Protein backbone atom coordinates (compact mmCIF):
# COMPACT_ATOMS: atom_id res chain seq x y z
CA UNK A 1 0.00 0.00 0.00
CA UNK A 2 1.38 3.39 -1.05
CA UNK A 3 0.66 5.95 1.66
CA UNK A 4 0.08 9.45 0.27
CA UNK A 5 0.00 12.83 1.99
CA UNK A 6 -1.81 15.30 -0.25
CA UNK A 7 -0.91 18.99 0.07
CA UNK A 8 -2.82 21.77 -1.72
CA UNK A 9 -4.19 25.11 -0.58
CA UNK A 10 -7.58 24.41 -2.22
CA UNK A 11 -9.86 21.96 -0.41
CA UNK A 12 -11.74 21.26 -3.65
CA UNK A 13 -8.50 19.97 -5.21
CA UNK A 14 -7.81 17.76 -2.20
CA UNK A 15 -11.36 16.40 -2.33
CA UNK A 16 -11.16 15.81 -6.07
CA UNK A 17 -7.86 13.94 -6.03
CA UNK A 18 -8.89 11.94 -2.97
CA UNK A 19 -12.06 10.91 -4.82
CA UNK A 20 -10.04 9.87 -7.89
CA UNK A 21 -7.76 7.68 -5.79
CA UNK A 22 -10.28 6.19 -3.36
CA UNK A 23 -10.94 3.09 -5.49
CA UNK A 24 -7.24 2.32 -5.95
CA UNK A 25 -6.39 -0.61 -3.70
CA UNK A 26 -2.63 0.02 -3.97
CA UNK A 27 -2.82 3.73 -3.05
CA UNK A 28 -4.28 5.37 0.04
CA UNK A 29 -4.48 9.10 0.83
CA UNK A 30 -3.80 8.84 4.55
CA UNK A 31 -4.00 12.57 5.24
CA UNK A 32 -4.01 16.03 3.68
CA UNK A 33 -2.78 19.53 4.43
CA UNK A 34 -3.80 22.96 3.19
CA UNK A 35 -0.34 24.54 3.44
CA UNK A 36 3.34 23.74 3.70
CA UNK A 37 3.68 24.32 7.43
CA UNK A 38 0.86 21.89 8.19
CA UNK A 39 2.38 19.31 5.84
CA UNK A 40 5.77 19.48 7.56
CA UNK A 41 4.16 19.03 10.97
CA UNK A 42 2.24 15.97 9.82
CA UNK A 43 5.27 14.43 8.14
CA UNK A 44 7.11 14.42 11.46
CA UNK A 45 4.52 12.07 12.96
CA UNK A 46 3.13 10.14 9.97
CA UNK A 47 4.63 7.34 7.87
CA UNK A 48 4.27 8.60 4.29
CA UNK A 49 5.60 7.06 1.07
CA UNK A 50 4.69 9.84 -1.38
CA UNK A 51 4.18 13.54 -0.70
CA UNK A 52 1.81 14.80 -3.42
CA UNK A 53 2.64 18.49 -3.30
CA UNK A 54 1.34 21.66 -4.94
CA UNK A 55 3.92 24.29 -5.95
CA UNK A 56 1.96 27.51 -5.56
CA UNK A 57 0.81 27.98 -1.99
CA UNK A 58 0.81 31.07 0.26
CA UNK A 59 3.48 31.55 2.95
CA UNK A 60 5.43 28.40 2.12
CA UNK A 61 5.39 27.18 -1.49
CA UNK A 62 6.31 23.70 -2.66
CA UNK A 63 9.95 24.62 -3.28
CA UNK A 64 10.33 25.84 0.31
CA UNK A 65 8.64 22.70 1.61
CA UNK A 66 11.18 20.51 -0.21
CA UNK A 67 14.05 22.60 1.17
CA UNK A 68 12.69 22.17 4.70
CA UNK A 69 12.35 18.42 4.16
CA UNK A 70 16.03 18.23 3.25
CA UNK A 71 17.02 20.50 6.14
CA UNK A 72 15.05 18.47 8.68
CA UNK A 73 16.24 15.15 7.24
CA UNK A 74 12.71 13.94 6.54
CA UNK A 75 12.86 11.14 3.98
CA UNK A 76 9.86 11.01 1.64
CA UNK A 77 9.45 10.73 -2.12
CA UNK A 78 8.01 13.94 -3.57
CA UNK A 79 5.63 14.23 -6.52
CA UNK A 80 4.78 17.78 -7.57
CA UNK A 81 1.29 18.40 -8.93
CA UNK A 82 0.98 21.87 -10.47
CA UNK A 83 -1.09 24.03 -12.80
CA UNK A 84 1.97 25.88 -14.13
CA UNK A 85 4.31 24.31 -16.67
CA UNK A 86 7.35 26.41 -15.80
CA UNK A 87 10.71 25.01 -17.02
CA UNK A 88 12.59 27.09 -14.44
CA UNK A 89 10.66 25.38 -11.66
CA UNK A 90 11.31 22.02 -13.32
CA UNK A 91 15.07 22.63 -13.43
CA UNK A 92 15.03 23.66 -9.79
CA UNK A 93 13.00 20.62 -8.76
CA UNK A 94 15.39 18.26 -10.54
CA UNK A 95 18.41 19.91 -8.93
CA UNK A 96 16.76 19.45 -5.53
CA UNK A 97 16.22 15.75 -6.16
CA UNK A 98 12.43 15.85 -6.58
CA UNK A 99 11.45 12.63 -8.34
CA UNK A 100 8.29 13.68 -10.14
CA UNK A 101 6.25 16.54 -11.55
CA UNK A 102 2.98 16.35 -13.47
CA UNK A 103 0.32 18.90 -14.37
CA UNK A 104 -3.05 19.13 -12.65
CA UNK A 105 -4.81 18.53 -15.95
CA UNK A 106 -3.23 15.06 -16.15
CA UNK A 107 -5.59 12.11 -16.36
CA UNK A 108 -6.25 9.52 -13.67
CA UNK A 109 -4.03 6.94 -15.37
CA UNK A 110 -1.03 9.30 -15.49
CA UNK A 111 -1.53 10.34 -11.86
CA UNK A 112 -1.67 6.75 -10.61
CA UNK A 113 1.36 5.80 -12.72
CA UNK A 114 3.34 8.77 -11.37
CA UNK A 115 2.50 7.98 -7.73
CA UNK A 116 3.43 4.33 -8.24
CA UNK A 117 6.76 5.07 -9.93
CA UNK A 118 7.78 7.81 -7.48
CA UNK A 119 7.01 5.50 -4.55
CA UNK A 120 9.64 3.13 -6.01
CA UNK A 121 12.22 5.90 -6.23
CA UNK A 122 11.85 6.34 -9.99
CA UNK A 123 11.80 9.71 -11.73
CA UNK A 124 8.57 10.69 -13.51
CA UNK A 125 8.04 14.00 -15.29
CA UNK A 126 4.94 14.51 -17.46
CA UNK A 127 5.35 14.74 -21.23
CA UNK A 128 4.24 18.40 -21.32
CA UNK A 129 6.65 19.22 -18.50
CA UNK A 130 9.57 17.48 -20.26
CA UNK A 131 8.80 19.15 -23.58
CA UNK A 132 8.87 22.63 -22.02
CA UNK A 133 12.08 21.76 -20.19
CA UNK A 134 13.81 20.53 -23.34
CA UNK A 135 12.75 23.67 -25.24
CA UNK A 136 14.14 25.81 -22.41
CA UNK A 137 17.42 23.89 -22.27
CA UNK A 138 17.82 24.20 -26.05
CA UNK A 139 17.25 27.96 -25.88
CA UNK A 140 19.79 28.28 -23.08
CA UNK A 141 22.40 26.20 -24.89
CA UNK A 142 21.93 28.18 -28.11
CA UNK A 143 22.49 31.44 -26.23
CA UNK A 144 25.61 30.05 -24.53
CA UNK A 145 27.01 28.74 -27.82
CA UNK A 146 26.29 31.97 -29.66
CA UNK A 147 28.50 34.06 -27.39
CA UNK A 148 30.94 31.19 -26.75
CA UNK A 149 30.70 31.08 -22.98
CA UNK A 150 32.79 28.52 -21.14
CA UNK A 151 31.32 26.16 -18.55
CA UNK A 152 32.97 28.18 -15.77
CA UNK A 153 31.59 31.46 -17.16
CA UNK A 154 28.08 29.98 -17.19
CA UNK A 155 28.52 28.95 -13.54
CA UNK A 156 29.59 32.46 -12.61
CA UNK A 157 26.71 34.09 -14.51
CA UNK A 158 24.24 31.93 -12.59
CA UNK A 159 25.82 32.82 -9.25
CA UNK A 160 25.95 36.54 -10.06
CA UNK A 161 22.28 36.42 -11.08
CA UNK A 162 21.41 34.91 -7.69
CA UNK A 163 23.02 37.97 -6.04
CA UNK A 164 26.16 36.33 -4.65
CA UNK A 165 29.11 38.66 -4.08
CA UNK A 166 32.52 38.18 -5.69
CA UNK A 167 33.92 36.75 -2.45
CA UNK A 168 30.96 34.40 -2.02
CA UNK A 169 31.35 33.13 -5.59
CA UNK A 170 35.09 32.63 -5.07
CA UNK A 171 34.46 30.63 -1.91
CA UNK A 172 31.73 28.53 -3.54
CA UNK A 173 33.85 27.67 -6.60
CA UNK A 174 37.16 27.37 -4.70
CA UNK A 175 38.85 30.03 -6.80
CA UNK A 176 40.29 33.46 -5.98
CA UNK A 177 38.31 36.69 -6.01
CA UNK A 178 40.71 37.96 -8.66
CA UNK A 179 39.81 35.01 -10.90
CA UNK A 180 36.10 35.70 -10.41
CA UNK A 181 36.61 39.34 -11.41
CA UNK A 182 38.58 38.29 -14.48
CA UNK A 183 35.79 35.94 -15.54
CA UNK A 184 33.20 38.65 -14.90
CA UNK A 185 35.04 41.12 -17.15
CA UNK A 186 35.35 38.50 -19.88
CA UNK A 187 31.64 37.67 -19.62
CA UNK A 188 30.62 41.33 -19.86
CA UNK A 189 32.84 41.69 -22.92
CA UNK A 190 31.44 38.58 -24.63
CA UNK A 191 27.84 39.58 -23.98
CA UNK A 192 28.42 43.15 -25.10
CA UNK A 193 26.63 44.54 -22.04
CA UNK A 194 27.60 47.64 -20.07
CA UNK A 195 27.22 46.41 -16.50
CA UNK A 196 26.08 43.62 -14.20
CA UNK A 197 22.43 44.54 -14.77
CA UNK A 198 22.88 43.60 -18.42
CA UNK A 199 24.54 40.35 -17.42
CA UNK A 200 21.68 39.46 -15.08
CA UNK A 201 19.13 40.35 -17.77
CA UNK A 202 20.91 37.97 -20.19
CA UNK A 203 20.76 35.20 -17.55
CA UNK A 204 17.03 35.55 -17.05
CA UNK A 205 16.10 36.11 -20.69
CA UNK A 206 17.95 32.95 -21.65
CA UNK A 207 16.75 30.94 -18.66
CA UNK A 208 20.13 30.27 -17.09
CA UNK A 209 18.44 30.82 -13.71
């Protein structure tokens, strides 16, 4: 029996998904939560195999919930169920080790399959989600190739765009601050921008972050 904790800030969604799954003998929604904080509290005291989690929730969204799970050392397989097919979210989820993500307009068969596979530790991303991700990755790679950025320069662009200082970037990449500054000047030159604002704009427009 796959034990599921369902988290969504809309009761009607919880009721609907619970109704869809109630006839499945191999899956049981053992509990639900209307927000991230409530979900984390319940996970500390409940044995759950799959956390079926919405992304967009007030106060603590799905991304923050996953971060707290990792911080607290709570081991549970996460399946994201979302209305928004955002490749940036998908990249972030994959980097955080989230096993699955499907859209809320998915059919019953796809939902059951995703829950089953994620419970086994397998990765499952919906076809629409993967297609958007691949398109995004292709756009990013084309932009990188066009201006001939190195792998290290791409790393530094991403870190600059997330507002890390030169010293913080140097520490994170185990290089000197002088080397970071040299890379930054080379990046600005390659992109043909005037300042860091232009560099950050390039990062976001081309979905590097």
